[in-house]
Amino acid sequence: MYFYDPSERPSKVLAPGIHARTFWGKKMLIAAVDLDPNTRLPRHSHPHEQLGNVIQGQMELTIGEETRLLQPGDVYIIPGGVEHEAHTFDEAVKVIDVFSPAREEYKY
């Protein structure tokens, strides 16, 4: 299958307040992620390279020791193995994340 309608895919809970619809190939995975208002993604790392784009809302993202307030259109790149964390404010946030290699635990 080459084409997918994200609205037809049920979401998977990645963490409390964080829901994603994921799609993957052999070497990468893309996730349409919805973050609830006032949600905190704890500091963590993974071996996967992660690239993201904020679609809606604002969130504060810390990568390593650098923190930024991100808004729609902003792009971030997280190298594999680098600790990062995020939190949202009083509105929901939508992001698109791409992981390489594909994260097995996000496949469903």
N, C-alpha and C. Protein backbone atom coordinates (compact mmCIF):
# COMPACT_ATOMS: atom_id res chain seq x y z
N MET A 1 0.84 -1.18 0.00
CA MET A 1 0.00 0.00 0.00
C MET A 1 0.89 1.24 0.00
N TYR A 2 0.54 2.21 -0.83
CA TYR A 2 1.34 3.43 -0.96
C TYR A 2 0.69 4.67 -0.37
N PHE A 3 -0.64 4.68 -0.23
CA PHE A 3 -1.35 5.88 0.21
C PHE A 3 -2.19 5.57 1.43
N TYR A 4 -2.27 6.56 2.34
CA TYR A 4 -3.02 6.39 3.58
C TYR A 4 -3.79 7.66 3.88
N ASP A 5 -4.94 7.51 4.51
CA ASP A 5 -5.73 8.65 4.98
C ASP A 5 -5.58 8.68 6.50
N PRO A 6 -4.82 9.64 7.04
CA PRO A 6 -4.59 9.66 8.48
C PRO A 6 -5.88 9.74 9.30
N SER A 7 -6.93 10.35 8.76
CA SER A 7 -8.17 10.47 9.52
C SER A 7 -8.84 9.11 9.73
N GLU A 8 -8.47 8.12 8.93
CA GLU A 8 -9.05 6.78 9.06
C GLU A 8 -8.25 5.88 10.00
N ARG A 9 -7.10 6.35 10.46
CA ARG A 9 -6.25 5.53 11.33
C ARG A 9 -6.51 5.89 12.78
N PRO A 10 -6.81 4.91 13.62
CA PRO A 10 -6.97 5.22 15.05
C PRO A 10 -5.63 5.65 15.64
N SER A 11 -5.69 6.44 16.69
CA SER A 11 -4.45 6.91 17.30
C SER A 11 -3.98 5.94 18.38
N LYS A 12 -2.70 6.03 18.67
CA LYS A 12 -2.06 5.22 19.71
C LYS A 12 -1.59 6.18 20.80
N VAL A 13 -1.82 5.83 22.05
CA VAL A 13 -1.35 6.65 23.16
C VAL A 13 0.13 6.35 23.36
N LEU A 14 0.97 7.39 23.19
CA LEU A 14 2.41 7.23 23.38
C LEU A 14 2.80 7.49 24.83
N ALA A 15 2.07 8.40 25.47
CA ALA A 15 2.27 8.76 26.88
C ALA A 15 1.01 9.51 27.29
N PRO A 16 0.77 9.71 28.58
CA PRO A 16 -0.43 10.46 28.97
C PRO A 16 -0.51 11.82 28.26
N GLY A 17 -1.63 12.05 27.58
CA GLY A 17 -1.84 13.32 26.88
C GLY A 17 -1.19 13.41 25.52
N ILE A 18 -0.56 12.33 25.05
CA ILE A 18 0.14 12.35 23.77
C ILE A 18 -0.37 11.18 22.92
N HIS A 19 -1.00 11.52 21.79
CA HIS A 19 -1.62 10.54 20.91
C HIS A 19 -1.02 10.68 19.51
N ALA A 20 -0.76 9.57 18.85
CA ALA A 20 -0.13 9.63 17.52
C ALA A 20 -0.78 8.64 16.56
N ARG A 21 -0.77 9.03 15.31
CA ARG A 21 -1.11 8.14 14.21
C ARG A 21 0.19 7.97 13.44
N THR A 22 0.69 6.74 13.36
CA THR A 22 2.00 6.51 12.76
C THR A 22 1.89 5.70 11.47
N PHE A 23 2.87 5.95 10.61
CA PHE A 23 2.98 5.27 9.32
C PHE A 23 4.46 5.03 9.10
N TRP A 24 4.82 3.88 8.51
CA TRP A 24 6.25 3.57 8.43
C TRP A 24 6.58 2.78 7.17
N GLY A 25 7.86 2.91 6.83
CA GLY A 25 8.45 2.13 5.76
C GLY A 25 9.55 1.28 6.36
N LYS A 26 10.51 0.91 5.56
CA LYS A 26 11.59 0.06 6.06
C LYS A 26 12.60 0.82 6.91
N LYS A 27 12.82 2.11 6.61
CA LYS A 27 13.90 2.85 7.27
C LYS A 27 13.45 4.07 8.05
N MET A 28 12.17 4.43 7.99
CA MET A 28 11.72 5.61 8.73
C MET A 28 10.26 5.47 9.11
N LEU A 29 9.84 6.32 10.05
CA LEU A 29 8.48 6.35 10.54
C LEU A 29 8.05 7.79 10.67
N ILE A 30 6.82 8.10 10.27
CA ILE A 30 6.26 9.44 10.45
C ILE A 30 5.10 9.34 11.41
N ALA A 31 4.98 10.33 12.29
CA ALA A 31 3.93 10.34 13.30
C ALA A 31 3.22 11.69 13.27
N ALA A 32 1.89 11.64 13.13
CA ALA A 32 1.05 12.83 13.31
C ALA A 32 0.67 12.80 14.79
N VAL A 33 1.21 13.74 15.56
CA VAL A 33 1.10 13.70 17.02
C VAL A 33 0.20 14.83 17.53
N ASP A 34 -0.74 14.47 18.40
CA ASP A 34 -1.60 15.43 19.08
C ASP A 34 -1.22 15.43 20.55
N LEU A 35 -0.87 16.61 21.05
CA LEU A 35 -0.53 16.76 22.46
C LEU A 35 -1.63 17.57 23.13
N ASP A 36 -2.19 17.06 24.22
CA ASP A 36 -3.23 17.75 24.95
C ASP A 36 -2.68 19.00 25.62
N PRO A 37 -3.57 19.94 25.99
CA PRO A 37 -3.11 21.11 26.75
C PRO A 37 -2.44 20.68 28.05
N ASN A 38 -1.48 21.46 28.48
CA ASN A 38 -0.78 21.25 29.76
C ASN A 38 -0.25 19.83 29.92
N THR A 39 0.38 19.34 28.86
CA THR A 39 0.98 18.00 28.87
C THR A 39 2.49 18.12 28.96
N ARG A 40 3.08 17.25 29.75
CA ARG A 40 4.54 17.24 29.89
C ARG A 40 5.09 15.92 29.36
N LEU A 41 6.04 16.02 28.44
CA LEU A 41 6.79 14.86 27.95
C LEU A 41 8.09 14.85 28.74
N PRO A 42 8.28 13.86 29.62
CA PRO A 42 9.47 13.84 30.47
C PRO A 42 10.76 13.75 29.66
N ARG A 43 11.84 14.19 30.28
CA ARG A 43 13.17 14.13 29.66
C ARG A 43 13.51 12.67 29.36
N HIS A 44 13.96 12.43 28.13
CA HIS A 44 14.28 11.07 27.70
C HIS A 44 15.20 11.15 26.48
N SER A 45 15.68 10.01 26.05
CA SER A 45 16.45 9.93 24.81
C SER A 45 16.15 8.59 24.16
N HIS A 46 16.49 8.48 22.90
CA HIS A 46 16.34 7.25 22.15
C HIS A 46 17.39 7.25 21.05
N PRO A 47 17.72 6.10 20.50
CA PRO A 47 18.79 6.06 19.49
C PRO A 47 18.37 6.61 18.13
N HIS A 48 17.08 6.87 17.95
CA HIS A 48 16.57 7.32 16.65
C HIS A 48 16.79 8.82 16.44
N GLU A 49 17.15 9.19 15.22
CA GLU A 49 17.17 10.59 14.85
C GLU A 49 15.72 11.03 14.69
N GLN A 50 15.39 12.24 15.16
CA GLN A 50 14.01 12.73 15.12
C GLN A 50 13.98 14.13 14.53
N LEU A 51 13.13 14.31 13.54
CA LEU A 51 12.90 15.64 12.97
C LEU A 51 11.43 15.95 13.13
N GLY A 52 11.10 17.19 13.49
CA GLY A 52 9.71 17.54 13.72
C GLY A 52 9.36 18.91 13.20
N ASN A 53 8.06 19.11 13.01
CA ASN A 53 7.51 20.38 12.54
C ASN A 53 6.23 20.65 13.33
N VAL A 54 6.16 21.83 13.94
CA VAL A 54 4.96 22.22 14.69
C VAL A 54 3.91 22.69 13.68
N ILE A 55 2.72 22.10 13.77
CA ILE A 55 1.62 22.43 12.86
C ILE A 55 0.64 23.39 13.51
N GLN A 56 0.37 23.19 14.81
CA GLN A 56 -0.63 24.00 15.50
C GLN A 56 -0.23 24.14 16.97
N GLY A 57 -0.45 25.31 17.55
CA GLY A 57 -0.20 25.54 18.97
C GLY A 57 1.24 25.90 19.26
N GLN A 58 1.52 26.02 20.54
CA GLN A 58 2.87 26.35 21.02
C GLN A 58 3.31 25.32 22.05
N MET A 59 4.60 25.01 22.02
CA MET A 59 5.16 24.14 23.05
C MET A 59 6.59 24.57 23.34
N GLU A 60 7.01 24.29 24.54
CA GLU A 60 8.41 24.54 24.90
C GLU A 60 9.15 23.22 24.77
N LEU A 61 10.24 23.24 24.02
CA LEU A 61 11.04 22.04 23.77
C LEU A 61 12.46 22.30 24.22
N THR A 62 13.00 21.36 24.99
CA THR A 62 14.40 21.41 25.40
C THR A 62 15.11 20.24 24.73
N ILE A 63 16.18 20.54 24.00
CA ILE A 63 17.03 19.53 23.38
C ILE A 63 18.42 19.73 23.97
N GLY A 64 18.93 18.71 24.64
CA GLY A 64 20.19 18.89 25.35
C GLY A 64 19.98 19.94 26.43
N GLU A 65 20.71 21.02 26.36
CA GLU A 65 20.57 22.12 27.34
C GLU A 65 19.94 23.36 26.73
N GLU A 66 19.47 23.28 25.48
CA GLU A 66 18.89 24.44 24.80
C GLU A 66 17.37 24.34 24.79
N THR A 67 16.70 25.41 25.22
CA THR A 67 15.24 25.44 25.30
C THR A 67 14.70 26.53 24.38
N ARG A 68 13.63 26.19 23.65
CA ARG A 68 12.98 27.15 22.76
C ARG A 68 11.47 27.04 22.88
N LEU A 69 10.79 28.17 22.68
CA LEU A 69 9.34 28.19 22.54
C LEU A 69 9.05 28.02 21.06
N LEU A 70 8.37 26.94 20.69
CA LEU A 70 8.10 26.64 19.29
C LEU A 70 6.66 26.98 18.93
N GLN A 71 6.50 27.48 17.70
CA GLN A 71 5.20 27.88 17.19
C GLN A 71 4.99 27.25 15.82
N PRO A 72 3.77 27.34 15.27
CA PRO A 72 3.52 26.73 13.96
C PRO A 72 4.56 27.14 12.92
N GLY A 73 5.06 26.15 12.21
CA GLY A 73 6.08 26.36 11.19
C GLY A 73 7.49 26.07 11.66
N ASP A 74 7.71 26.08 12.98
CA ASP A 74 9.05 25.81 13.50
C ASP A 74 9.43 24.35 13.31
N VAL A 75 10.70 24.12 13.04
CA VAL A 75 11.26 22.79 12.79
C VAL A 75 12.33 22.52 13.84
N TYR A 76 12.40 21.27 14.29
CA TYR A 76 13.44 20.86 15.23
C TYR A 76 14.08 19.56 14.78
N ILE A 77 15.34 19.40 15.13
CA ILE A 77 16.09 18.18 14.81
C ILE A 77 16.75 17.70 16.10
N ILE A 78 16.47 16.44 16.45
CA ILE A 78 17.01 15.84 17.66
C ILE A 78 17.89 14.67 17.24
N PRO A 79 19.21 14.80 17.41
CA PRO A 79 20.08 13.67 17.07
C PRO A 79 19.81 12.48 17.99
N GLY A 80 20.06 11.29 17.50
CA GLY A 80 19.91 10.10 18.32
C GLY A 80 20.77 10.18 19.56
N GLY A 81 20.24 9.74 20.70
CA GLY A 81 20.99 9.72 21.94
C GLY A 81 20.99 11.01 22.73
N VAL A 82 20.40 12.09 22.19
CA VAL A 82 20.39 13.38 22.90
C VAL A 82 19.10 13.49 23.72
N GLU A 83 19.24 13.81 25.00
CA GLU A 83 18.07 13.95 25.87
C GLU A 83 17.25 15.16 25.46
N HIS A 84 15.92 15.01 25.59
CA HIS A 84 15.01 16.09 25.26
C HIS A 84 13.72 15.94 26.07
N GLU A 85 12.99 17.04 26.18
CA GLU A 85 11.72 17.07 26.90
C GLU A 85 10.88 18.21 26.34
N ALA A 86 9.58 18.13 26.58
CA ALA A 86 8.68 19.17 26.05
C ALA A 86 7.49 19.34 26.98
N HIS A 87 6.86 20.50 26.87
CA HIS A 87 5.56 20.67 27.52
C HIS A 87 4.72 21.67 26.73
N THR A 88 3.41 21.45 26.84
CA THR A 88 2.45 22.33 26.18
C THR A 88 1.86 23.26 27.21
N PHE A 89 1.10 24.23 26.73
CA PHE A 89 0.48 25.22 27.61
C PHE A 89 -1.03 25.00 27.60
N ASP A 90 -1.81 26.05 27.52
CA ASP A 90 -3.27 25.95 27.66
C ASP A 90 -4.00 25.57 26.38
N GLU A 91 -3.27 25.25 25.32
CA GLU A 91 -3.94 24.83 24.09
C GLU A 91 -3.29 23.55 23.56
N ALA A 92 -4.06 22.80 22.80
CA ALA A 92 -3.55 21.57 22.19
C ALA A 92 -2.49 21.91 21.15
N VAL A 93 -1.60 20.96 20.91
CA VAL A 93 -0.51 21.14 19.95
C VAL A 93 -0.53 19.96 18.98
N LYS A 94 -0.24 20.26 17.72
CA LYS A 94 -0.11 19.22 16.70
C LYS A 94 1.28 19.34 16.09
N VAL A 95 1.97 18.21 16.00
CA VAL A 95 3.28 18.17 15.37
C VAL A 95 3.35 16.98 14.43
N ILE A 96 4.27 17.06 13.50
CA ILE A 96 4.63 15.93 12.66
C ILE A 96 6.06 15.56 13.02
N ASP A 97 6.28 14.31 13.41
CA ASP A 97 7.62 13.82 13.75
C ASP A 97 8.01 12.73 12.77
N VAL A 98 9.28 12.72 12.40
CA VAL A 98 9.85 11.67 11.55
C VAL A 98 11.00 11.05 12.33
N PHE A 99 11.03 9.72 12.37
CA PHE A 99 12.08 8.99 13.09
C PHE A 99 12.81 8.07 12.12
N SER A 100 14.15 8.04 12.27
CA SER A 100 14.95 7.11 11.48
C SER A 100 16.02 6.54 12.40
N PRO A 101 16.15 5.23 12.46
CA PRO A 101 15.28 4.24 11.82
C PRO A 101 13.89 4.27 12.44
N ALA A 102 12.96 3.51 11.84
CA ALA A 102 11.60 3.45 12.35
C ALA A 102 11.61 2.94 13.79
N ARG A 103 10.78 3.54 14.63
CA ARG A 103 10.65 3.11 16.02
C ARG A 103 9.69 1.93 16.09
N GLU A 104 10.20 0.77 16.41
CA GLU A 104 9.38 -0.44 16.45
C GLU A 104 8.21 -0.31 17.41
N GLU A 105 8.43 0.33 18.56
CA GLU A 105 7.36 0.45 19.56
C GLU A 105 6.23 1.38 19.13
N TYR A 106 6.43 2.14 18.06
CA TYR A 106 5.38 3.03 17.55
C TYR A 106 4.59 2.39 16.41
N LYS A 107 4.96 1.20 16.01
CA LYS A 107 4.23 0.51 14.96
C LYS A 107 3.03 -0.21 15.58
N TYR A 108 1.90 -0.11 14.91
CA TYR A 108 0.69 -0.81 15.38
C TYR A 108 -0.24 -1.08 14.23
